[in-house]
Amino acid sequence: MDESRGKGSGTETPDDPETSRFGRAKDYASEKYSAASDAMKNQYNRVRERVEDVDFGEITDQVRSYVRSNPGKALLISIGVGFLVGLLLRRSDEDKD
């Protein structure tokens, strides 16, 4: 038997099927990582631009106007939101010591 091409001998050739398979897998993973990274960077930049374009002063004025014209609805909405936040932040009985 010729053990010069055996695993762990350090003399693996580029034609070795396992070496080329792992090389292809590495290249594939690298390409997918690069594509995902670029997509995330692009999405981040788009979201950042949209947030920068928002005029929070105008939104505040719209909310004030709505609350002044519909105080009952605004009160019920705020009570509902407060209730939901309270449910989410409430400790369960299992967390008590």
PDB file of N, CA and C in Angstrom:
ATOM      1  N   MET A   1       0.807  -1.182   0.000  1.00  0.00           N
ATOM      2  CA  MET A   1       0.000   0.000   0.000  1.00  0.00           C
ATOM      3  C   MET A   1       0.851   1.247   0.000  1.00  0.00           C
ATOM      4  N   ASP A   2       0.410   2.248  -0.745  1.00  0.00           N
ATOM      5  CA  ASP A   2       1.120   3.515  -0.802  1.00  0.00           C
ATOM      6  C   ASP A   2       0.488   4.456   0.212  1.00  0.00           C
ATOM      7  N   GLU A   3       1.204   4.750   1.302  1.00  0.00           N
ATOM      8  CA  GLU A   3       0.672   5.593   2.348  1.00  0.00           C
ATOM      9  C   GLU A   3       1.076   7.039   2.184  1.00  0.00           C
ATOM     10  N   SER A   4       1.741   7.398   1.103  1.00  0.00           N
ATOM     11  CA  SER A   4       2.190   8.776   0.921  1.00  0.00           C
ATOM     12  C   SER A   4       1.017   9.707   0.637  1.00  0.00           C
ATOM     13  N   ARG A   5      -0.121   9.166   0.163  1.00  0.00           N
ATOM     14  CA  ARG A   5      -1.281  10.007  -0.126  1.00  0.00           C
ATOM     15  C   ARG A   5      -2.356   9.846   0.939  1.00  0.00           C
ATOM     16  N   GLY A   6      -2.039   9.207   2.033  1.00  0.00           N
ATOM     17  CA  GLY A   6      -3.016   8.973   3.091  1.00  0.00           C
ATOM     18  C   GLY A   6      -3.366  10.260   3.818  1.00  0.00           C
ATOM     19  N   LYS A   7      -4.469  10.203   4.553  1.00  0.00           N
ATOM     20  CA  LYS A   7      -4.903  11.372   5.308  1.00  0.00           C
ATOM     21  C   LYS A   7      -3.901  11.659   6.400  1.00  0.00           C
ATOM     22  N   GLY A   8      -3.666  12.957   6.616  1.00  0.00           N
ATOM     23  CA  GLY A   8      -2.774  13.349   7.686  1.00  0.00           C
ATOM     24  C   GLY A   8      -1.318  13.276   7.301  1.00  0.00           C
ATOM     25  N   SER A   9      -1.005  12.922   6.062  1.00  0.00           N
ATOM     26  CA  SER A   9       0.386  12.816   5.676  1.00  0.00           C
ATOM     27  C   SER A   9       0.966  14.172   5.322  1.00  0.00           C
ATOM     28  N   GLY A  10       0.094  15.163   5.097  1.00  0.00           N
ATOM     29  CA  GLY A  10       0.579  16.495   4.774  1.00  0.00           C
ATOM     30  C   GLY A  10       0.971  16.630   3.321  1.00  0.00           C
ATOM     31  N   THR A  11       0.760  15.589   2.518  1.00  0.00           N
ATOM     32  CA  THR A  11       1.140  15.650   1.104  1.00  0.00           C
ATOM     33  C   THR A  11      -0.092  15.507   0.221  1.00  0.00           C
ATOM     34  N   GLU A  12      -1.223  16.071   0.655  1.00  0.00           N
ATOM     35  CA  GLU A  12      -2.431  15.967  -0.139  1.00  0.00           C
ATOM     36  C   GLU A  12      -2.284  16.818  -1.384  1.00  0.00           C
ATOM     37  N   THR A  13      -2.725  16.304  -2.479  1.00  0.00           N
ATOM     38  CA  THR A  13      -2.608  17.018  -3.748  1.00  0.00           C
ATOM     39  C   THR A  13      -3.886  17.792  -4.020  1.00  0.00           C
ATOM     40  N   PRO A  14      -3.838  18.815  -4.869  1.00  0.00           N
ATOM     41  CA  PRO A  14      -5.041  19.574  -5.187  1.00  0.00           C
ATOM     42  C   PRO A  14      -6.096  18.734  -5.883  1.00  0.00           C
ATOM     43  N   ASP A  15      -5.697  17.594  -6.473  1.00  0.00           N
ATOM     44  CA  ASP A  15      -6.646  16.732  -7.156  1.00  0.00           C
ATOM     45  C   ASP A  15      -7.380  15.812  -6.194  1.00  0.00           C
ATOM     46  N   ASP A  16      -6.989  15.828  -4.924  1.00  0.00           N
ATOM     47  CA  ASP A  16      -7.636  14.990  -3.930  1.00  0.00           C
ATOM     48  C   ASP A  16      -9.105  15.410  -3.833  1.00  0.00           C
ATOM     49  N   PRO A  17     -10.051  14.472  -3.947  1.00  0.00           N
ATOM     50  CA  PRO A  17     -11.469  14.832  -3.955  1.00  0.00           C
ATOM     51  C   PRO A  17     -11.915  15.551  -2.687  1.00  0.00           C
ATOM     52  N   GLU A  18     -11.397  15.150  -1.523  1.00  0.00           N
ATOM     53  CA  GLU A  18     -11.810  15.796  -0.284  1.00  0.00           C
ATOM     54  C   GLU A  18     -11.290  17.221  -0.212  1.00  0.00           C
ATOM     55  N   THR A  19     -10.085  17.464  -0.641  1.00  0.00           N
ATOM     56  CA  THR A  19      -9.521  18.808  -0.622  1.00  0.00           C
ATOM     57  C   THR A  19     -10.305  19.721  -1.542  1.00  0.00           C
ATOM     58  N   SER A  20     -10.623  19.276  -2.730  1.00  0.00           N
ATOM     59  CA  SER A  20     -11.355  20.121  -3.664  1.00  0.00           C
ATOM     60  C   SER A  20     -12.798  20.317  -3.194  1.00  0.00           C
ATOM     61  N   ARG A  21     -13.383  19.302  -2.575  1.00  0.00           N
ATOM     62  CA  ARG A  21     -14.750  19.435  -2.081  1.00  0.00           C
ATOM     63  C   ARG A  21     -14.810  20.465  -0.964  1.00  0.00           C
ATOM     64  N   PHE A  22     -13.856  20.410  -0.036  1.00  0.00           N
ATOM     65  CA  PHE A  22     -13.830  21.392   1.049  1.00  0.00           C
ATOM     66  C   PHE A  22     -13.491  22.776   0.519  1.00  0.00           C
ATOM     67  N   GLY A  23     -12.655  22.847  -0.475  1.00  0.00           N
ATOM     68  CA  GLY A  23     -12.334  24.138  -1.089  1.00  0.00           C
ATOM     69  C   GLY A  23     -13.549  24.755  -1.746  1.00  0.00           C
ATOM     70  N   ARG A  24     -14.314  23.929  -2.457  1.00  0.00           N
ATOM     71  CA  ARG A  24     -15.537  24.432  -3.084  1.00  0.00           C
ATOM     72  C   ARG A  24     -16.545  24.866  -2.027  1.00  0.00           C
ATOM     73  N   ALA A  25     -16.650  24.092  -0.945  1.00  0.00           N
ATOM     74  CA  ALA A  25     -17.579  24.448   0.132  1.00  0.00           C
ATOM     75  C   ALA A  25     -17.161  25.770   0.776  1.00  0.00           C
ATOM     76  N   LYS A  26     -15.859  25.944   0.956  1.00  0.00           N
ATOM     77  CA  LYS A  26     -15.352  27.190   1.533  1.00  0.00           C
ATOM     78  C   LYS A  26     -15.659  28.365   0.619  1.00  0.00           C
ATOM     79  N   ASP A  27     -15.426  28.193  -0.678  1.00  0.00           N
ATOM     80  CA  ASP A  27     -15.723  29.257  -1.643  1.00  0.00           C
ATOM     81  C   ASP A  27     -17.215  29.575  -1.675  1.00  0.00           C
ATOM     82  N   TYR A  28     -18.054  28.553  -1.642  1.00  0.00           N
ATOM     83  CA  TYR A  28     -19.500  28.741  -1.660  1.00  0.00           C
ATOM     84  C   TYR A  28     -19.953  29.510  -0.418  1.00  0.00           C
ATOM     85  N   ALA A  29     -19.442  29.104   0.742  1.00  0.00           N
ATOM     86  CA  ALA A  29     -19.809  29.777   1.986  1.00  0.00           C
ATOM     87  C   ALA A  29     -19.326  31.220   1.979  1.00  0.00           C
ATOM     88  N   SER A  30     -18.142  31.445   1.455  1.00  0.00           N
ATOM     89  CA  SER A  30     -17.601  32.798   1.376  1.00  0.00           C
ATOM     90  C   SER A  30     -18.447  33.680   0.466  1.00  0.00           C
ATOM     91  N   GLU A  31     -18.873  33.138  -0.675  1.00  0.00           N
ATOM     92  CA  GLU A  31     -19.718  33.898  -1.599  1.00  0.00           C
ATOM     93  C   GLU A  31     -21.064  34.230  -0.956  1.00  0.00           C
ATOM     94  N   LYS A  32     -21.675  33.254  -0.286  1.00  0.00           N
ATOM     95  CA  LYS A  32     -22.963  33.476   0.364  1.00  0.00           C
ATOM     96  C   LYS A  32     -22.833  34.494   1.492  1.00  0.00           C
ATOM     97  N   TYR A  33     -21.739  34.426   2.246  1.00  0.00           N
ATOM     98  CA  TYR A  33     -21.507  35.388   3.324  1.00  0.00           C
ATOM     99  C   TYR A  33     -21.360  36.794   2.752  1.00  0.00           C
ATOM    100  N   SER A  34     -20.608  36.925   1.684  1.00  0.00           N
ATOM    101  CA  SER A  34     -20.422  38.235   1.056  1.00  0.00           C
ATOM    102  C   SER A  34     -21.742  38.784   0.537  1.00  0.00           C
ATOM    103  N   ALA A  35     -22.541  37.943  -0.096  1.00  0.00           N
ATOM    104  CA  ALA A  35     -23.826  38.381  -0.623  1.00  0.00           C
ATOM    105  C   ALA A  35     -24.754  38.810   0.513  1.00  0.00           C
ATOM    106  N   ALA A  36     -24.799  38.039   1.586  1.00  0.00           N
ATOM    107  CA  ALA A  36     -25.651  38.385   2.721  1.00  0.00           C
ATOM    108  C   ALA A  36     -25.166  39.663   3.393  1.00  0.00           C
ATOM    109  N   SER A  37     -23.868  39.808   3.509  1.00  0.00           N
ATOM    110  CA  SER A  37     -23.301  41.004   4.115  1.00  0.00           C
ATOM    111  C   SER A  37     -23.639  42.245   3.295  1.00  0.00           C
ATOM    112  N   ASP A  38     -23.495  42.146   1.980  1.00  0.00           N
ATOM    113  CA  ASP A  38     -23.830  43.277   1.106  1.00  0.00           C
ATOM    114  C   ASP A  38     -25.317  43.614   1.183  1.00  0.00           C
ATOM    115  N   ALA A  39     -26.161  42.605   1.215  1.00  0.00           N
ATOM    116  CA  ALA A  39     -27.609  42.835   1.304  1.00  0.00           C
ATOM    117  C   ALA A  39     -27.960  43.534   2.618  1.00  0.00           C
ATOM    118  N   MET A  40     -27.351  43.119   3.711  1.00  0.00           N
ATOM    119  CA  MET A  40     -27.618  43.754   5.001  1.00  0.00           C
ATOM    120  C   MET A  40     -27.129  45.194   5.018  1.00  0.00           C
ATOM    121  N   LYS A  41     -25.969  45.459   4.443  1.00  0.00           N
ATOM    122  CA  LYS A  41     -25.455  46.830   4.378  1.00  0.00           C
ATOM    123  C   LYS A  41     -26.389  47.712   3.566  1.00  0.00           C
ATOM    124  N   ASN A  42     -26.877  47.200   2.437  1.00  0.00           N
ATOM    125  CA  ASN A  42     -27.793  47.971   1.602  1.00  0.00           C
ATOM    126  C   ASN A  42     -29.099  48.252   2.334  1.00  0.00           C
ATOM    127  N   GLN A  43     -29.643  47.248   2.992  1.00  0.00           N
ATOM    128  CA  GLN A  43     -30.888  47.429   3.731  1.00  0.00           C
ATOM    129  C   GLN A  43     -30.701  48.419   4.870  1.00  0.00           C
ATOM    130  N   TYR A  44     -29.590  48.341   5.579  1.00  0.00           N
ATOM    131  CA  TYR A  44     -29.290  49.279   6.666  1.00  0.00           C
ATOM    132  C   TYR A  44     -29.241  50.704   6.136  1.00  0.00           C
ATOM    133  N   ASN A  45     -28.573  50.900   5.006  1.00  0.00           N
ATOM    134  CA  ASN A  45     -28.469  52.244   4.438  1.00  0.00           C
ATOM    135  C   ASN A  45     -29.830  52.776   4.014  1.00  0.00           C
ATOM    136  N   ARG A  46     -30.680  51.912   3.429  1.00  0.00           N
ATOM    137  CA  ARG A  46     -32.026  52.344   3.038  1.00  0.00           C
ATOM    138  C   ARG A  46     -32.855  52.752   4.247  1.00  0.00           C
ATOM    139  N   VAL A  47     -32.809  51.967   5.317  1.00  0.00           N
ATOM    140  CA  VAL A  47     -33.569  52.281   6.523  1.00  0.00           C
ATOM    141  C   VAL A  47     -33.030  53.562   7.160  1.00  0.00           C
ATOM    142  N   ARG A  48     -31.723  53.704   7.202  1.00  0.00           N
ATOM    143  CA  ARG A  48     -31.122  54.908   7.779  1.00  0.00           C
ATOM    144  C   ARG A  48     -31.567  56.150   7.023  1.00  0.00           C
ATOM    145  N   GLU A  49     -31.589  56.079   5.686  1.00  0.00           N
ATOM    146  CA  GLU A  49     -32.024  57.218   4.882  1.00  0.00           C
ATOM    147  C   GLU A  49     -33.488  57.545   5.142  1.00  0.00           C
ATOM    148  N   ARG A  50     -34.332  56.519   5.289  1.00  0.00           N
ATOM    149  CA  ARG A  50     -35.752  56.764   5.554  1.00  0.00           C
ATOM    150  C   ARG A  50     -35.951  57.408   6.920  1.00  0.00           C
ATOM    151  N   VAL A  51     -35.178  56.982   7.908  1.00  0.00           N
ATOM    152  CA  VAL A  51     -35.294  57.567   9.245  1.00  0.00           C
ATOM    153  C   VAL A  51     -34.808  59.009   9.230  1.00  0.00           C
ATOM    154  N   GLU A  52     -33.743  59.279   8.480  1.00  0.00           N
ATOM    155  CA  GLU A  52     -33.234  60.643   8.386  1.00  0.00           C
ATOM    156  C   GLU A  52     -34.240  61.563   7.706  1.00  0.00           C
ATOM    157  N   ASP A  53     -35.064  61.027   6.801  1.00  0.00           N
ATOM    158  CA  ASP A  53     -36.042  61.837   6.080  1.00  0.00           C
ATOM    159  C   ASP A  53     -37.298  62.138   6.898  1.00  0.00           C
ATOM    160  N   VAL A  54     -37.491  61.437   8.008  1.00  0.00           N
ATOM    161  CA  VAL A  54     -38.693  61.624   8.817  1.00  0.00           C
ATOM    162  C   VAL A  54     -38.579  62.932   9.596  1.00  0.00           C
ATOM    163  N   ASP A  55     -39.642  63.722   9.533  1.00  0.00           N
ATOM    164  CA  ASP A  55     -39.704  64.968  10.291  1.00  0.00           C
ATOM    165  C   ASP A  55     -40.510  64.699  11.564  1.00  0.00           C
ATOM    166  N   PHE A  56     -39.798  64.472  12.660  1.00  0.00           N
ATOM    167  CA  PHE A  56     -40.463  64.118  13.904  1.00  0.00           C
ATOM    168  C   PHE A  56     -41.278  65.275  14.464  1.00  0.00           C
ATOM    169  N   GLY A  57     -40.894  66.491  14.163  1.00  0.00           N
ATOM    170  CA  GLY A  57     -41.674  67.647  14.596  1.00  0.00           C
ATOM    171  C   GLY A  57     -43.054  67.650  13.952  1.00  0.00           C
ATOM    172  N   GLU A  58     -43.107  67.307  12.677  1.00  0.00           N
ATOM    173  CA  GLU A  58     -44.393  67.246  11.970  1.00  0.00           C
ATOM    174  C   GLU A  58     -45.266  66.125  12.529  1.00  0.00           C
ATOM    175  N   ILE A  59     -44.663  64.987  12.827  1.00  0.00           N
ATOM    176  CA  ILE A  59     -45.415  63.866  13.399  1.00  0.00           C
ATOM    177  C   ILE A  59     -45.967  64.253  14.771  1.00  0.00           C
ATOM    178  N   THR A  60     -45.161  64.945  15.570  1.00  0.00           N
ATOM    179  CA  THR A  60     -45.617  65.400  16.883  1.00  0.00           C
ATOM    180  C   THR A  60     -46.813  66.334  16.742  1.00  0.00           C
ATOM    181  N   ASP A  61     -46.754  67.243  15.783  1.00  0.00           N
ATOM    182  CA  ASP A  61     -47.876  68.161  15.553  1.00  0.00           C
ATOM    183  C   ASP A  61     -49.133  67.408  15.126  1.00  0.00           C
ATOM    184  N   GLN A  62     -48.980  66.383  14.292  1.00  0.00           N
ATOM    185  CA  GLN A  62     -50.127  65.586  13.865  1.00  0.00           C
ATOM    186  C   GLN A  62     -50.752  64.840  15.037  1.00  0.00           C
ATOM    187  N   VAL A  63     -49.925  64.300  15.913  1.00  0.00           N
ATOM    188  CA  VAL A  63     -50.429  63.575  17.080  1.00  0.00           C
ATOM    189  C   VAL A  63     -51.171  64.540  18.004  1.00  0.00           C
ATOM    190  N   ARG A  64     -50.599  65.704  18.246  1.00  0.00           N
ATOM    191  CA  ARG A  64     -51.269  66.701  19.099  1.00  0.00           C
ATOM    192  C   ARG A  64     -52.629  67.092  18.519  1.00  0.00           C
ATOM    193  N   SER A  65     -52.655  67.298  17.218  1.00  0.00           N
ATOM    194  CA  SER A  65     -53.903  67.671  16.559  1.00  0.00           C
ATOM    195  C   SER A  65     -54.942  66.561  16.703  1.00  0.00           C
ATOM    196  N   TYR A  66     -54.536  65.317  16.525  1.00  0.00           N
ATOM    197  CA  TYR A  66     -55.458  64.181  16.654  1.00  0.00           C
ATOM    198  C   TYR A  66     -55.986  64.084  18.074  1.00  0.00           C
ATOM    199  N   VAL A  67     -55.107  64.242  19.053  1.00  0.00           N
ATOM    200  CA  VAL A  67     -55.519  64.115  20.454  1.00  0.00           C
ATOM    201  C   VAL A  67     -56.498  65.227  20.810  1.00  0.00           C
ATOM    202  N   ARG A  68     -56.262  66.425  20.305  1.00  0.00           N
ATOM    203  CA  ARG A  68     -57.169  67.533  20.601  1.00  0.00           C
ATOM    204  C   ARG A  68     -58.532  67.351  19.946  1.00  0.00           C
ATOM    205  N   SER A  69     -58.544  66.744  18.764  1.00  0.00           N
ATOM    206  CA  SER A  69     -59.819  66.566  18.077  1.00  0.00           C
ATOM    207  C   SER A  69     -60.542  65.286  18.503  1.00  0.00           C
ATOM    208  N   ASN A  70     -59.822  64.300  19.044  1.00  0.00           N
ATOM    209  CA  ASN A  70     -60.413  63.019  19.475  1.00  0.00           C
ATOM    210  C   ASN A  70     -59.866  62.612  20.845  1.00  0.00           C
ATOM    211  N   PRO A  71     -60.177  63.348  21.889  1.00  0.00           N
ATOM    212  CA  PRO A  71     -59.574  63.024  23.197  1.00  0.00           C
ATOM    213  C   PRO A  71     -60.014  61.669  23.749  1.00  0.00           C
ATOM    214  N   GLY A  72     -61.249  61.269  23.507  1.00  0.00           N
ATOM    215  CA  GLY A  72     -61.729  59.981  24.020  1.00  0.00           C
ATOM    216  C   GLY A  72     -60.998  58.813  23.375  1.00  0.00           C
ATOM    217  N   LYS A  73     -60.871  58.843  22.067  1.00  0.00           N
ATOM    218  CA  LYS A  73     -60.148  57.773  21.358  1.00  0.00           C
ATOM    219  C   LYS A  73     -58.687  57.722  21.795  1.00  0.00           C
ATOM    220  N   ALA A  74     -58.086  58.900  21.915  1.00  0.00           N
ATOM    221  CA  ALA A  74     -56.673  58.947  22.315  1.00  0.00           C
ATOM    222  C   ALA A  74     -56.491  58.358  23.707  1.00  0.00           C
ATOM    223  N   LEU A  75     -57.429  58.661  24.607  1.00  0.00           N
ATOM    224  CA  LEU A  75     -57.348  58.129  25.966  1.00  0.00           C
ATOM    225  C   LEU A  75     -57.499  56.604  25.964  1.00  0.00           C
ATOM    226  N   LEU A  76     -58.467  56.096  25.214  1.00  0.00           N
ATOM    227  CA  LEU A  76     -58.658  54.645  25.150  1.00  0.00           C
ATOM    228  C   LEU A  76     -57.456  53.941  24.512  1.00  0.00           C
ATOM    229  N   ILE A  77     -56.892  54.548  23.475  1.00  0.00           N
ATOM    230  CA  ILE A  77     -55.696  53.965  22.838  1.00  0.00           C
ATOM    231  C   ILE A  77     -54.543  53.931  23.829  1.00  0.00           C
ATOM    232  N   SER A  78     -54.332  55.021  24.568  1.00  0.00           N
ATOM    233  CA  SER A  78     -53.219  55.049  25.520  1.00  0.00           C
ATOM    234  C   SER A  78     -53.429  54.050  26.652  1.00  0.00           C
ATOM    235  N   ILE A  79     -54.677  53.883  27.101  1.00  0.00           N
ATOM    236  CA  ILE A  79     -54.955  52.885  28.137  1.00  0.00           C
ATOM    237  C   ILE A  79     -54.668  51.483  27.607  1.00  0.00           C
ATOM    238  N   GLY A  80     -55.091  51.201  26.379  1.00  0.00           N
ATOM    239  CA  GLY A  80     -54.838  49.890  25.774  1.00  0.00           C
ATOM    240  C   GLY A  80     -53.357  49.601  25.614  1.00  0.00           C
ATOM    241  N   VAL A  81     -52.619  50.595  25.147  1.00  0.00           N
ATOM    242  CA  VAL A  81     -51.168  50.404  24.979  1.00  0.00           C
ATOM    243  C   VAL A  81     -50.502  50.193  26.336  1.00  0.00           C
ATOM    244  N   GLY A  82     -50.919  50.969  27.333  1.00  0.00           N
ATOM    245  CA  GLY A  82     -50.364  50.802  28.677  1.00  0.00           C
ATOM    246  C   GLY A  82     -50.652  49.419  29.245  1.00  0.00           C
ATOM    247  N   PHE A  83     -51.866  48.934  29.010  1.00  0.00           N
ATOM    248  CA  PHE A  83     -52.232  47.603  29.477  1.00  0.00           C
ATOM    249  C   PHE A  83     -51.364  46.536  28.821  1.00  0.00           C
ATOM    250  N   LEU A  84     -51.176  46.640  27.495  1.00  0.00           N
ATOM    251  CA  LEU A  84     -50.341  45.652  26.784  1.00  0.00           C
ATOM    252  C   LEU A  84     -48.895  45.698  27.248  1.00  0.00           C
ATOM    253  N   VAL A  85     -48.363  46.892  27.438  1.00  0.00           N
ATOM    254  CA  VAL A  85     -46.981  47.013  27.924  1.00  0.00           C
ATOM    255  C   VAL A  85     -46.883  46.419  29.330  1.00  0.00           C
ATOM    256  N   GLY A  86     -47.888  46.675  30.152  1.00  0.00           N
ATOM    257  CA  GLY A  86     -47.896  46.094  31.495  1.00  0.00           C
ATOM    258  C   GLY A  86     -47.915  44.579  31.469  1.00  0.00           C
ATOM    259  N   LEU A  87     -48.699  44.004  30.560  1.00  0.00           N
ATOM    260  CA  LEU A  87     -48.720  42.538  30.442  1.00  0.00           C
ATOM    261  C   LEU A  87     -47.373  41.989  30.002  1.00  0.00           C
ATOM    262  N   LEU A  88     -46.733  42.693  29.094  1.00  0.00           N
ATOM    263  CA  LEU A  88     -45.439  42.221  28.596  1.00  0.00           C
ATOM    264  C   LEU A  88     -44.343  42.327  29.655  1.00  0.00           C
ATOM    265  N   LEU A  89     -44.419  43.348  30.478  1.00  0.00           N
ATOM    266  CA  LEU A  89     -43.354  43.573  31.459  1.00  0.00           C
ATOM    267  C   LEU A  89     -43.631  42.939  32.819  1.00  0.00           C
ATOM    268  N   ARG A  90     -44.837  42.441  32.998  1.00  0.00           N
ATOM    269  CA  ARG A  90     -45.225  41.852  34.271  1.00  0.00           C
ATOM    270  C   ARG A  90     -44.422  40.592  34.532  1.00  0.00           C
ATOM    271  N   ARG A  91     -44.013  40.439  35.752  1.00  0.00           N
ATOM    272  CA  ARG A  91     -43.314  39.214  36.136  1.00  0.00           C
ATOM    273  C   ARG A  91     -44.341  38.116  36.348  1.00  0.00           C
ATOM    274  N   SER A  92     -44.011  36.933  35.908  1.00  0.00           N
ATOM    275  CA  SER A  92     -44.913  35.806  36.144  1.00  0.00           C
ATOM    276  C   SER A  92     -44.728  35.274  37.549  1.00  0.00           C
ATOM    277  N   ASP A  93     -45.638  34.435  38.005  1.00  0.00           N
ATOM    278  CA  ASP A  93     -45.560  33.862  39.356  1.00  0.00           C
ATOM    279  C   ASP A  93     -44.332  32.986  39.519  1.00  0.00           C
ATOM    280  N   GLU A  94     -43.842  32.430  38.441  1.00  0.00           N
ATOM    281  CA  GLU A  94     -42.680  31.542  38.493  1.00  0.00           C
ATOM    282  C   GLU A  94     -41.392  32.306  38.785  1.00  0.00           C
ATOM    283  N   ASP A  95     -41.365  33.616  38.456  1.00  0.00           N
ATOM    284  CA  ASP A  95     -40.149  34.409  38.664  1.00  0.00           C
ATOM    285  C   ASP A  95     -39.969  34.850  40.099  1.00  0.00           C
ATOM    286  N   LYS A  96     -41.009  34.761  40.925  1.00  0.00           N
ATOM    287  CA  LYS A  96     -40.915  35.210  42.313  1.00  0.00           C
ATOM    288  C   LYS A  96     -40.068  34.237  43.120  1.00  0.00           C
ATOM    289  N   ASP A  97     -39.298  34.799  44.026  1.00  0.00           N
ATOM    290  CA  ASP A  97     -38.438  33.957  44.873  1.00  0.00           C
ATOM    291  C   ASP A  97     -39.137  33.571  46.141  1.00  0.00           C
TER     292      ASP A  97
END
